[in-house]
Amino acid sequence: MPSRHFVCLTIGSRGDVQPYIALGQGLQKEGHRVTIVTHEEYKPWITGFGIGHRTAGGDPGALMKLSVEHNVSGVIPSMLRRLMILGVKDVFASISQGEPNKCGCPCSQY
């Protein structure tokens, strides 16, 4: 398999990010490049493992508070998911060097 660039998007707490670091490490061992798109506060932690980081907006603390207040139980409602994808569409475009859907994500649908 030729080397690929995997981009993982996650929002939320440190516990939401940690599995992607483990996944990224495994993919890197297989010769792939990995970027995790998430909150800025996790950048030093992610890059400390040699994994790329791009910033997704938002405050994870505020997101967790909103989830608790509205009893979301960790599930991202469809509307929030669409807003999140729209918010990081430029990140995916820059990663894929402006080539539509080269990143393999569904962002071109929104």
C-alpha atoms as a PDB file:
ATOM      1  CA  MET A   1       0.000   0.000   0.000  1.00  0.00           C
ATOM      2  CA  PRO A   2       1.433   3.407  -0.884  1.00  0.00           C
ATOM      3  CA  SER A   3       1.954   5.923   1.884  1.00  0.00           C
ATOM      4  CA  ARG A   4      -1.166   7.979   2.649  1.00  0.00           C
ATOM      5  CA  HIS A   5      -2.031  11.059   4.669  1.00  0.00           C
ATOM      6  CA  PHE A   6      -4.721  10.282   7.233  1.00  0.00           C
ATOM      7  CA  VAL A   7      -6.636  13.185   8.791  1.00  0.00           C
ATOM      8  CA  CYS A   8      -8.674  12.493  11.926  1.00  0.00           C
ATOM      9  CA  LEU A   9     -11.196  14.996  13.282  1.00  0.00           C
ATOM     10  CA  THR A  10     -12.333  14.941  16.882  1.00  0.00           C
ATOM     11  CA  ILE A  11     -13.761  17.452  19.323  1.00  0.00           C
ATOM     12  CA  GLY A  12     -14.312  17.184  23.034  1.00  0.00           C
ATOM     13  CA  SER A  13     -12.172  16.141  25.956  1.00  0.00           C
ATOM     14  CA  ARG A  14      -8.704  14.646  26.215  1.00  0.00           C
ATOM     15  CA  GLY A  15     -10.388  11.231  26.278  1.00  0.00           C
ATOM     16  CA  ASP A  16     -11.849  11.931  22.844  1.00  0.00           C
ATOM     17  CA  VAL A  17      -8.393  12.760  21.444  1.00  0.00           C
ATOM     18  CA  GLN A  18      -6.347   9.962  23.014  1.00  0.00           C
ATOM     19  CA  PRO A  19      -7.634   7.107  20.777  1.00  0.00           C
ATOM     20  CA  TYR A  20      -6.643   9.082  17.690  1.00  0.00           C
ATOM     21  CA  ILE A  21      -3.113   9.464  19.017  1.00  0.00           C
ATOM     22  CA  ALA A  22      -2.889   5.679  19.410  1.00  0.00           C
ATOM     23  CA  LEU A  23      -4.339   5.198  15.923  1.00  0.00           C
ATOM     24  CA  GLY A  24      -1.936   7.788  14.534  1.00  0.00           C
ATOM     25  CA  GLN A  25       1.051   6.048  16.073  1.00  0.00           C
ATOM     26  CA  GLY A  26       0.010   2.766  14.481  1.00  0.00           C
ATOM     27  CA  LEU A  27      -0.472   4.397  11.091  1.00  0.00           C
ATOM     28  CA  GLN A  28       2.915   6.109  11.354  1.00  0.00           C
ATOM     29  CA  LYS A  29       4.589   2.765  12.076  1.00  0.00           C
ATOM     30  CA  GLU A  30       3.122   1.583   8.760  1.00  0.00           C
ATOM     31  CA  GLY A  31       4.732   4.553   6.982  1.00  0.00           C
ATOM     32  CA  HIS A  32       1.736   6.906   6.759  1.00  0.00           C
ATOM     33  CA  ARG A  33       1.442  10.590   7.635  1.00  0.00           C
ATOM     34  CA  VAL A  34      -1.173  11.530  10.242  1.00  0.00           C
ATOM     35  CA  THR A  35      -2.819  14.818  11.191  1.00  0.00           C
ATOM     36  CA  ILE A  36      -5.338  15.231  14.002  1.00  0.00           C
ATOM     37  CA  VAL A  37      -7.732  18.160  13.728  1.00  0.00           C
ATOM     38  CA  THR A  38      -8.924  19.163  17.183  1.00  0.00           C
ATOM     39  CA  HIS A  39      -8.785  21.909  19.795  1.00  0.00           C
ATOM     40  CA  GLU A  40      -5.649  24.050  20.036  1.00  0.00           C
ATOM     41  CA  GLU A  41      -5.052  23.151  23.690  1.00  0.00           C
ATOM     42  CA  TYR A  42      -4.179  19.570  22.684  1.00  0.00           C
ATOM     43  CA  LYS A  43      -1.536  20.603  20.117  1.00  0.00           C
ATOM     44  CA  PRO A  44       1.566  20.127  22.348  1.00  0.00           C
ATOM     45  CA  TRP A  45       0.332  16.718  23.450  1.00  0.00           C
ATOM     46  CA  ILE A  46      -0.361  15.534  19.876  1.00  0.00           C
ATOM     47  CA  THR A  47       2.795  16.944  18.310  1.00  0.00           C
ATOM     48  CA  GLY A  48       4.810  15.435  21.162  1.00  0.00           C
ATOM     49  CA  PHE A  49       4.081  12.073  19.527  1.00  0.00           C
ATOM     50  CA  GLY A  50       5.257  13.327  16.139  1.00  0.00           C
ATOM     51  CA  ILE A  51       1.695  13.589  14.837  1.00  0.00           C
ATOM     52  CA  GLY A  52       0.570  16.639  12.897  1.00  0.00           C
ATOM     53  CA  HIS A  53      -2.041  18.974  14.382  1.00  0.00           C
ATOM     54  CA  ARG A  54      -4.496  21.421  12.835  1.00  0.00           C
ATOM     55  CA  THR A  55      -6.849  23.558  14.880  1.00  0.00           C
ATOM     56  CA  ALA A  56     -10.594  23.022  15.037  1.00  0.00           C
ATOM     57  CA  GLY A  57     -12.315  25.952  16.684  1.00  0.00           C
ATOM     58  CA  GLY A  58     -14.209  25.835  19.893  1.00  0.00           C
ATOM     59  CA  ASP A  59     -13.600  25.451  23.582  1.00  0.00           C
ATOM     60  CA  PRO A  60     -13.746  21.833  24.778  1.00  0.00           C
ATOM     61  CA  GLY A  61     -14.769  22.952  28.272  1.00  0.00           C
ATOM     62  CA  ALA A  62     -17.722  24.904  26.890  1.00  0.00           C
ATOM     63  CA  LEU A  63     -18.665  21.963  24.677  1.00  0.00           C
ATOM     64  CA  MET A  64     -18.667  19.587  27.645  1.00  0.00           C
ATOM     65  CA  LYS A  65     -20.760  22.038  29.681  1.00  0.00           C
ATOM     66  CA  LEU A  66     -23.270  22.339  26.831  1.00  0.00           C
ATOM     67  CA  SER A  67     -23.419  18.541  26.516  1.00  0.00           C
ATOM     68  CA  VAL A  68     -24.145  18.144  30.239  1.00  0.00           C
ATOM     69  CA  GLU A  69     -26.712  20.952  30.318  1.00  0.00           C
ATOM     70  CA  HIS A  70     -28.624  19.447  27.396  1.00  0.00           C
ATOM     71  CA  ASN A  71     -28.097  15.794  28.362  1.00  0.00           C
ATOM     72  CA  VAL A  72     -26.357  15.039  25.061  1.00  0.00           C
ATOM     73  CA  SER A  73     -24.460  12.068  26.568  1.00  0.00           C
ATOM     74  CA  GLY A  74     -21.511  12.298  24.192  1.00  0.00           C
ATOM     75  CA  VAL A  75     -23.539  12.167  20.974  1.00  0.00           C
ATOM     76  CA  ILE A  76     -23.011  15.059  18.588  1.00  0.00           C
ATOM     77  CA  PRO A  77     -26.361  16.190  17.171  1.00  0.00           C
ATOM     78  CA  SER A  78     -26.612  16.346  13.389  1.00  0.00           C
ATOM     79  CA  MET A  79     -26.732  20.150  13.315  1.00  0.00           C
ATOM     80  CA  LEU A  80     -23.576  20.470  15.427  1.00  0.00           C
ATOM     81  CA  ARG A  81     -21.820  17.899  13.215  1.00  0.00           C
ATOM     82  CA  ARG A  82     -22.663  19.915  10.094  1.00  0.00           C
ATOM     83  CA  LEU A  83     -21.446  23.136  11.677  1.00  0.00           C
ATOM     84  CA  MET A  84     -18.255  21.403  12.760  1.00  0.00           C
ATOM     85  CA  ILE A  85     -17.624  20.093   9.229  1.00  0.00           C
ATOM     86  CA  LEU A  86     -18.248  23.542   7.775  1.00  0.00           C
ATOM     87  CA  GLY A  87     -15.873  25.014  10.342  1.00  0.00           C
ATOM     88  CA  VAL A  88     -13.014  22.734   9.388  1.00  0.00           C
ATOM     89  CA  LYS A  89     -13.679  22.592   5.643  1.00  0.00           C
ATOM     90  CA  ASP A  90     -10.878  25.121   5.077  1.00  0.00           C
ATOM     91  CA  VAL A  91      -8.513  22.998   7.146  1.00  0.00           C
ATOM     92  CA  PHE A  92      -9.233  19.963   4.986  1.00  0.00           C
ATOM     93  CA  ALA A  93      -8.887  22.072   1.829  1.00  0.00           C
ATOM     94  CA  SER A  94      -5.468  23.326   2.898  1.00  0.00           C
ATOM     95  CA  ILE A  95      -4.346  19.824   3.846  1.00  0.00           C
ATOM     96  CA  SER A  96      -5.455  18.484   0.478  1.00  0.00           C
ATOM     97  CA  GLN A  97      -3.881  21.520  -1.235  1.00  0.00           C
ATOM     98  CA  GLY A  98      -7.229  22.776  -2.478  1.00  0.00           C
ATOM     99  CA  GLU A  99      -8.105  19.670  -4.457  1.00  0.00           C
ATOM    100  CA  PRO A 100     -11.771  18.845  -3.755  1.00  0.00           C
ATOM    101  CA  ASN A 101     -12.276  15.618  -1.837  1.00  0.00           C
ATOM    102  CA  LYS A 102      -8.609  14.617  -2.058  1.00  0.00           C
ATOM    103  CA  CYS A 103      -8.671  14.415   1.703  1.00  0.00           C
ATOM    104  CA  GLY A 104     -11.332  11.686   1.436  1.00  0.00           C
ATOM    105  CA  CYS A 105     -13.708  13.392   3.846  1.00  0.00           C
ATOM    106  CA  PRO A 106     -17.395  14.140   3.298  1.00  0.00           C
ATOM    107  CA  CYS A 107     -16.827  17.921   3.621  1.00  0.00           C
ATOM    108  CA  SER A 108     -17.631  18.520  -0.059  1.00  0.00           C
ATOM    109  CA  GLN A 109     -21.227  17.464   0.682  1.00  0.00           C
ATOM    110  CA  TYR A 110     -21.860  20.530   2.865  1.00  0.00           C
END
